[in-house]
Amino acid sequence: MKHSNISIFIPHIGCPHQCSFCDQRTISGAQHAPSGEEVREICQKALIEVKKPENTEIAFFGGSFTAIPRDYMLELLEAAHEFVGEGRFRGIRCSTRPDCIDFEVLQLLKSYGVTAIELGAQSMDDEVLEANERGHTSADVENACELIHAFNFELGLQMMIGLYGSTPEKEWATVERIVALAPDTVRIYPVVILKNTRLGELLLSGEYKPFSFDKAVEIASAAMVMFEGSGIRVIKCGLHASEFVEHDMVGGFYHPAFRELCEALIYRHNIEFILKNENVSGSVVIAVNERCISKATGQKKSNIAFFEELGVNIKLVGDQAIPKYECELRR
């Protein structure tokens, strides 16, 4: 069943650290701190408009939810909790920092109907975390995940590709360690370098030299395959399209259709494997899941053009029996 969120953005208040990449207003667009009454108004309107509220969660995004002042957090939770339960929304989702999770706060979240917690892990390499002023370690991520699992929350982890001091090898090690933590969902955020951030200063000084855009797509696409192959849903890949981001970015890996670029690369690699393994050339027919033909075709038919340059004319056909990302050669 398709899942949806009623997203309520909380501004960057209460967070104990200013990370190297952080300009929360630009990333979330959130500048106004909603009151409990405003949360009720948003939820009431959504309850009327959403077709399947039982598949929908009220989601507090934008800041470190469990780090905001406790009275304010309780005000928001009390308002949202009124709209959770039979005939209403499925639960509440929030995002926070790994070092802002403990037994007491999880008990509190559970009592207010929170069903899912997302942690901004970003990297599982301690040197990368320190270089980017995250203020927590990979052990904090592991400890928080263990507690969240113990309370039977849905666990989400967020990974950030291309941070200062990272390498492709460190990115892959992070993917492997995230898989070992068995989250239910992941979000993959290739770094977008914004004005007025430490990363922006390091980029302009020449001290920070990010990967190429193509390398970021390659790493993200490989991560998607690894996560989904391990039964972990990739619920986001790439930062959402935003006029704030496009105006304030000075570098990094932003593209409004970043996930589509990654999925096209996955299909390209899989088709290449078939062509080499079967030793075929000329005109060929490749079958993919019928819902994935556009992904396999690539943006602006980039995959079709790629294989044409190799002397192979690809015709894609749909077959609903074929799993996502898999390809079959049709004779």
Protein backbone atom coordinates (compact mmCIF):
# COMPACT_ATOMS: atom_id res chain seq x y z
CA MET A 1 0.00 0.00 0.00
CA LYS A 2 1.24 3.43 -0.88
CA HIS A 3 2.32 5.45 2.14
CA SER A 4 2.02 9.22 2.46
CA ASN A 5 2.94 11.89 4.99
CA ILE A 6 1.28 15.03 6.25
CA SER A 7 4.52 16.99 6.50
CA ILE A 8 4.80 19.65 9.20
CA PHE A 9 8.11 21.49 9.16
CA ILE A 10 9.72 22.55 12.41
CA PRO A 11 12.44 25.23 12.16
CA HIS A 12 16.00 24.65 13.32
CA ILE A 13 15.47 25.23 17.04
CA GLY A 14 16.95 23.29 19.91
CA CYS A 15 19.58 21.47 17.85
CA PRO A 16 22.85 21.42 19.84
CA HIS A 17 25.11 21.62 16.79
CA GLN A 18 25.60 23.58 13.60
CA CYS A 19 26.82 20.97 11.13
CA SER A 20 29.10 21.90 8.26
CA PHE A 21 26.35 21.54 5.65
CA CYS A 22 23.46 23.00 7.62
CA ASP A 23 21.28 25.89 6.61
CA GLN A 24 17.99 24.45 7.79
CA ARG A 25 15.87 27.32 6.47
CA THR A 26 17.14 26.70 2.97
CA ILE A 27 16.81 22.91 3.17
CA SER A 28 13.31 22.74 4.65
CA GLY A 29 11.93 26.17 3.80
CA ALA A 30 10.82 26.34 7.44
CA GLN A 31 11.05 29.71 9.13
CA HIS A 32 7.86 29.70 11.18
CA ALA A 33 7.44 27.50 14.27
CA PRO A 34 3.88 26.11 14.08
CA SER A 35 1.79 26.14 17.23
CA GLY A 36 -0.22 23.19 18.48
CA GLU A 37 -3.36 24.85 17.18
CA GLU A 38 -1.84 25.23 13.73
CA VAL A 39 -0.94 21.52 13.79
CA ARG A 40 -4.60 20.74 14.56
CA GLU A 41 -5.74 22.90 11.64
CA ILE A 42 -3.30 21.18 9.26
CA CYS A 43 -4.36 17.72 10.41
CA GLN A 44 -8.09 18.52 10.30
CA LYS A 45 -7.81 19.78 6.74
CA ALA A 46 -5.70 16.78 5.70
CA LEU A 47 -8.14 14.33 7.29
CA ILE A 48 -10.84 15.65 4.97
CA GLU A 49 -8.63 15.63 1.86
CA VAL A 50 -6.61 12.40 2.25
CA LYS A 51 -8.29 9.37 0.66
CA LYS A 52 -6.64 6.72 2.85
CA PRO A 53 -5.71 8.23 6.23
CA GLU A 54 -4.96 4.74 7.57
CA ASN A 55 -1.89 4.70 5.28
CA THR A 56 -0.82 8.20 6.26
CA GLU A 57 1.40 9.53 9.04
CA ILE A 58 1.69 13.01 10.51
CA ALA A 59 5.37 13.82 9.98
CA PHE A 60 7.41 16.37 11.90
CA PHE A 61 10.38 17.21 9.69
CA GLY A 62 12.89 20.02 9.36
CA GLY A 63 14.71 19.98 12.69
CA SER A 64 15.83 17.64 15.46
CA PHE A 65 12.42 16.95 16.94
CA THR A 66 13.53 15.46 20.26
CA ALA A 67 16.00 18.32 20.80
CA ILE A 68 13.44 21.14 20.67
CA PRO A 69 12.26 22.56 24.03
CA ARG A 70 10.27 19.85 25.82
CA ASP A 71 7.15 21.96 26.41
CA TYR A 72 6.99 22.81 22.72
CA MET A 73 7.52 19.18 21.68
CA LEU A 74 4.69 18.09 23.97
CA GLU A 75 2.42 20.81 22.57
CA LEU A 76 2.99 19.48 19.05
CA LEU A 77 2.61 15.84 20.06
CA GLU A 78 -0.61 16.49 21.98
CA ALA A 79 -2.12 18.24 18.97
CA ALA A 80 -1.06 15.54 16.49
CA HIS A 81 -2.12 12.67 18.78
CA GLU A 82 -5.74 13.81 18.57
CA PHE A 83 -5.73 12.74 14.92
CA VAL A 84 -4.21 9.28 15.37
CA GLY A 85 -6.28 6.13 15.71
CA GLU A 86 -9.27 4.38 14.21
CA GLY A 87 -10.69 6.32 11.28
CA ARG A 88 -7.83 8.80 11.49
CA PHE A 89 -4.12 8.76 10.65
CA ARG A 90 -1.91 5.72 11.20
CA GLY A 91 0.61 7.44 13.44
CA ILE A 92 3.27 10.11 13.82
CA ARG A 93 6.73 10.23 12.25
CA CYS A 94 9.58 12.45 13.40
CA SER A 95 13.22 13.01 12.51
CA THR A 96 15.99 13.69 15.00
CA ARG A 97 19.67 13.28 15.86
CA PRO A 98 21.15 9.98 17.08
CA ASP A 99 22.46 11.61 20.25
CA CYS A 100 19.02 12.98 21.12
CA ILE A 101 17.51 9.54 21.69
CA ASP A 102 17.27 7.82 25.06
CA PHE A 103 14.94 5.47 26.95
CA GLU A 104 12.89 8.27 28.51
CA VAL A 105 12.24 10.15 25.29
CA LEU A 106 11.26 6.96 23.47
CA GLN A 107 8.77 6.13 26.21
CA LEU A 108 7.29 9.62 25.78
CA LEU A 109 7.09 9.35 21.99
CA LYS A 110 5.43 5.95 22.26
CA SER A 111 2.78 7.32 24.60
CA TYR A 112 1.79 9.96 22.05
CA GLY A 113 1.34 7.58 19.14
CA VAL A 114 4.68 8.05 17.38
CA THR A 115 5.18 5.13 15.01
CA ALA A 116 8.38 5.96 13.13
CA ILE A 117 11.66 7.69 13.97
CA GLU A 118 14.23 8.80 11.41
CA LEU A 119 17.81 9.43 12.46
CA GLY A 120 20.22 11.69 10.62
CA ALA A 121 23.16 9.29 10.62
CA GLN A 122 24.73 10.99 7.54
CA SER A 123 27.93 8.90 7.77
CA MET A 124 29.13 5.92 9.77
CA ASP A 125 32.73 7.08 9.56
CA ASP A 126 33.84 8.87 12.73
CA GLU A 127 36.47 10.98 10.95
CA VAL A 128 33.86 12.25 8.49
CA LEU A 129 31.39 12.96 11.30
CA GLU A 130 34.00 14.95 13.21
CA ALA A 131 35.20 16.87 10.14
CA ASN A 132 31.63 17.95 9.45
CA GLU A 133 30.94 18.98 13.06
CA ARG A 134 28.11 16.52 13.57
CA GLY A 135 28.73 16.29 17.31
CA HIS A 136 27.99 12.56 17.51
CA THR A 137 29.78 9.32 16.66
CA SER A 138 28.85 6.21 14.72
CA ALA A 139 28.46 4.46 18.09
CA ASP A 140 25.71 6.97 18.95
CA VAL A 141 23.90 5.91 15.78
CA GLU A 142 24.22 2.23 16.67
CA ASN A 143 23.04 2.77 20.25
CA ALA A 144 20.05 4.84 19.14
CA CYS A 145 19.06 2.23 16.55
CA GLU A 146 19.20 -0.53 19.15
CA LEU A 147 16.88 1.41 21.47
CA ILE A 148 14.46 2.30 18.66
CA HIS A 149 14.28 -1.36 17.61
CA ALA A 150 13.67 -2.37 21.23
CA PHE A 151 10.63 -0.07 21.36
CA ASN A 152 9.33 -1.45 18.04
CA PHE A 153 9.29 1.88 16.23
CA GLU A 154 9.76 1.90 12.49
CA LEU A 155 13.38 2.96 12.03
CA GLY A 156 14.60 5.26 9.28
CA LEU A 157 18.19 6.31 8.64
CA GLN A 158 19.43 9.21 6.56
CA MET A 159 22.73 9.02 4.70
CA MET A 160 24.56 11.99 3.17
CA ILE A 161 26.89 11.31 0.25
CA GLY A 162 29.96 13.44 -0.44
CA LEU A 163 30.62 15.13 2.89
CA TYR A 164 33.92 16.88 3.57
CA GLY A 165 36.63 14.28 4.15
CA SER A 166 34.68 11.38 2.71
CA THR A 167 35.82 9.00 -0.05
CA PRO A 168 33.96 6.47 -2.20
CA GLU A 169 35.38 3.73 0.03
CA LYS A 170 34.03 5.44 3.16
CA GLU A 171 30.64 5.85 1.50
CA TRP A 172 30.43 2.16 0.74
CA ALA A 173 31.48 1.27 4.29
CA THR A 174 28.65 3.51 5.53
CA VAL A 175 26.17 1.69 3.28
CA GLU A 176 27.30 -1.66 4.66
CA ARG A 177 27.04 -0.50 8.28
CA ILE A 178 23.58 0.97 7.68
CA VAL A 179 22.43 -2.33 6.20
CA ALA A 180 23.75 -4.10 9.32
CA LEU A 181 21.58 -1.80 11.49
CA ALA A 182 18.46 -3.14 9.68
CA PRO A 183 16.44 0.07 9.28
CA ASP A 184 13.02 -0.15 7.66
CA THR A 185 13.70 2.87 5.46
CA VAL A 186 16.55 5.06 4.28
CA ARG A 187 16.88 8.46 2.69
CA ILE A 188 19.93 9.16 0.55
CA TYR A 189 20.92 12.81 0.41
CA PRO A 190 23.83 13.70 -1.89
CA VAL A 191 25.47 16.80 -0.41
CA VAL A 192 24.21 20.17 -1.58
CA ILE A 193 26.65 22.91 -0.60
CA LEU A 194 24.87 26.07 0.48
CA LYS A 195 25.88 29.68 1.06
CA ASN A 196 26.68 30.68 4.64
CA THR A 197 27.72 27.19 5.70
CA ARG A 198 31.09 25.76 6.73
CA LEU A 199 31.05 23.52 3.65
CA GLY A 200 30.49 26.57 1.48
CA GLU A 201 33.54 28.26 3.02
CA LEU A 202 35.67 25.14 2.57
CA LEU A 203 34.59 24.83 -1.06
CA LEU A 204 35.37 28.45 -1.88
CA SER A 205 38.80 28.18 -0.19
CA GLY A 206 39.62 25.11 -2.25
CA GLU A 207 40.10 22.92 0.83
CA TYR A 208 36.99 20.89 0.04
CA LYS A 209 36.94 19.18 -3.33
CA PRO A 210 33.72 17.16 -3.73
CA PHE A 211 33.36 14.08 -5.91
CA SER A 212 32.26 14.59 -9.49
CA PHE A 213 28.51 14.62 -10.06
CA ASP A 214 28.74 11.34 -11.98
CA LYS A 215 30.57 9.71 -9.05
CA ALA A 216 27.81 10.84 -6.66
CA VAL A 217 25.18 9.29 -8.96
CA GLU A 218 27.23 6.10 -9.18
CA ILE A 219 27.55 5.81 -5.38
CA ALA A 220 23.88 6.62 -4.77
CA SER A 221 22.67 4.12 -7.37
CA ALA A 222 24.87 1.36 -5.91
CA ALA A 223 23.54 2.23 -2.45
CA MET A 224 19.95 1.98 -3.69
CA VAL A 225 20.60 -1.50 -5.06
CA MET A 226 22.26 -2.60 -1.82
CA PHE A 227 19.50 -1.18 0.39
CA GLU A 228 16.57 -2.46 -1.62
CA GLY A 229 18.27 -5.84 -2.09
CA SER A 230 18.45 -6.02 1.72
CA GLY A 231 14.74 -5.29 2.10
CA ILE A 232 15.21 -1.64 3.08
CA ARG A 233 12.90 0.85 1.37
CA VAL A 234 14.61 3.88 -0.16
CA ILE A 235 11.97 6.54 0.47
CA LYS A 236 14.05 9.44 -0.83
CA CYS A 237 17.11 9.86 -3.01
CA GLY A 238 18.18 13.43 -3.61
CA LEU A 239 17.05 16.68 -2.02
CA HIS A 240 13.54 17.78 -2.93
CA ALA A 241 13.18 20.47 -5.57
CA SER A 242 13.19 23.87 -3.90
CA GLU A 243 13.54 27.48 -5.01
CA PHE A 244 15.54 28.09 -1.81
CA VAL A 245 18.06 25.36 -2.64
CA GLU A 246 18.45 26.42 -6.26
CA HIS A 247 19.01 30.02 -5.17
CA ASP A 248 21.42 29.36 -2.29
CA MET A 249 23.53 26.44 -3.50
CA VAL A 250 27.17 27.02 -4.45
CA GLY A 251 28.09 23.44 -5.27
CA GLY A 252 27.35 19.79 -4.63
CA PHE A 253 25.07 17.27 -6.23
CA TYR A 254 21.64 18.83 -6.62
CA HIS A 255 19.37 17.76 -9.48
CA PRO A 256 15.56 17.99 -9.36
CA ALA A 257 15.33 14.40 -10.67
CA PHE A 258 18.34 12.90 -8.91
CA ARG A 259 16.61 9.60 -8.12
CA GLU A 260 15.63 9.13 -11.75
CA LEU A 261 19.28 9.59 -12.77
CA CYS A 262 20.28 6.87 -10.30
CA GLU A 263 17.57 4.47 -11.46
CA ALA A 264 18.53 5.00 -15.08
CA LEU A 265 22.14 4.11 -14.23
CA ILE A 266 21.01 0.92 -12.47
CA TYR A 267 19.16 -0.13 -15.60
CA ARG A 268 22.08 0.82 -17.82
CA HIS A 269 24.44 -1.40 -15.84
CA ASN A 270 21.98 -4.30 -15.87
CA ILE A 271 21.40 -4.04 -19.62
CA GLU A 272 25.18 -3.85 -20.19
CA PHE A 273 25.60 -7.06 -18.19
CA ILE A 274 23.02 -8.86 -20.32
CA LEU A 275 24.56 -7.69 -23.59
CA LYS A 276 28.05 -8.80 -22.55
CA ASN A 277 26.89 -12.06 -21.00
CA GLU A 278 24.79 -13.01 -24.02
CA ASN A 279 27.28 -11.55 -26.51
CA VAL A 280 24.56 -9.81 -28.52
CA SER A 281 24.72 -6.76 -30.74
CA GLY A 282 22.67 -4.96 -33.38
CA SER A 283 19.00 -4.58 -32.53
CA VAL A 284 17.77 -6.19 -29.30
CA VAL A 285 14.59 -6.27 -27.25
CA ILE A 286 14.91 -5.88 -23.48
CA ALA A 287 11.96 -6.49 -21.17
CA VAL A 288 11.60 -4.62 -17.86
CA ASN A 289 8.74 -4.15 -15.45
CA GLU A 290 6.06 -2.23 -17.32
CA ARG A 291 6.08 0.50 -14.67
CA CYS A 292 9.81 1.01 -15.13
CA ILE A 293 10.13 1.58 -18.87
CA SER A 294 10.77 5.30 -18.42
CA LYS A 295 13.41 4.56 -15.76
CA ALA A 296 15.16 2.10 -18.08
CA THR A 297 14.93 4.56 -20.98
CA GLY A 298 16.66 7.25 -18.91
CA GLN A 299 16.15 11.00 -18.85
CA LYS A 300 15.80 12.33 -22.37
CA LYS A 301 16.34 8.73 -23.59
CA SER A 302 19.90 8.82 -22.28
CA ASN A 303 20.21 5.04 -22.03
CA ILE A 304 18.92 4.52 -25.56
CA ALA A 305 21.50 7.03 -26.82
CA PHE A 306 24.26 5.42 -24.72
CA PHE A 307 23.74 2.02 -26.33
CA GLU A 308 23.30 3.50 -29.80
CA GLU A 309 26.83 4.91 -29.50
CA LEU A 310 27.99 1.35 -28.82
CA GLY A 311 26.22 0.14 -31.96
CA VAL A 312 23.27 -1.46 -30.19
CA ASN A 313 19.66 -0.45 -30.82
CA ILE A 314 17.61 -1.14 -27.70
CA LYS A 315 13.85 -1.61 -27.76
CA LEU A 316 12.27 -1.72 -24.31
CA VAL A 317 9.06 -3.62 -23.64
CA GLY A 318 7.05 -3.97 -20.45
CA ASP A 319 6.29 -7.13 -18.48
CA GLN A 320 4.61 -6.79 -15.09
CA ALA A 321 6.07 -10.12 -13.94
CA ILE A 322 9.64 -8.80 -14.02
CA PRO A 323 10.86 -7.40 -10.67
CA LYS A 324 12.02 -3.80 -10.38
CA TYR A 325 15.52 -3.19 -11.83
CA GLU A 326 15.72 -6.65 -13.45
CA CYS A 327 15.98 -6.99 -17.22
CA GLU A 328 15.37 -9.88 -19.62
CA LEU A 329 16.62 -10.36 -23.16
CA ARG A 330 13.78 -11.26 -25.56
CA ARG A 331 14.67 -13.18 -28.67
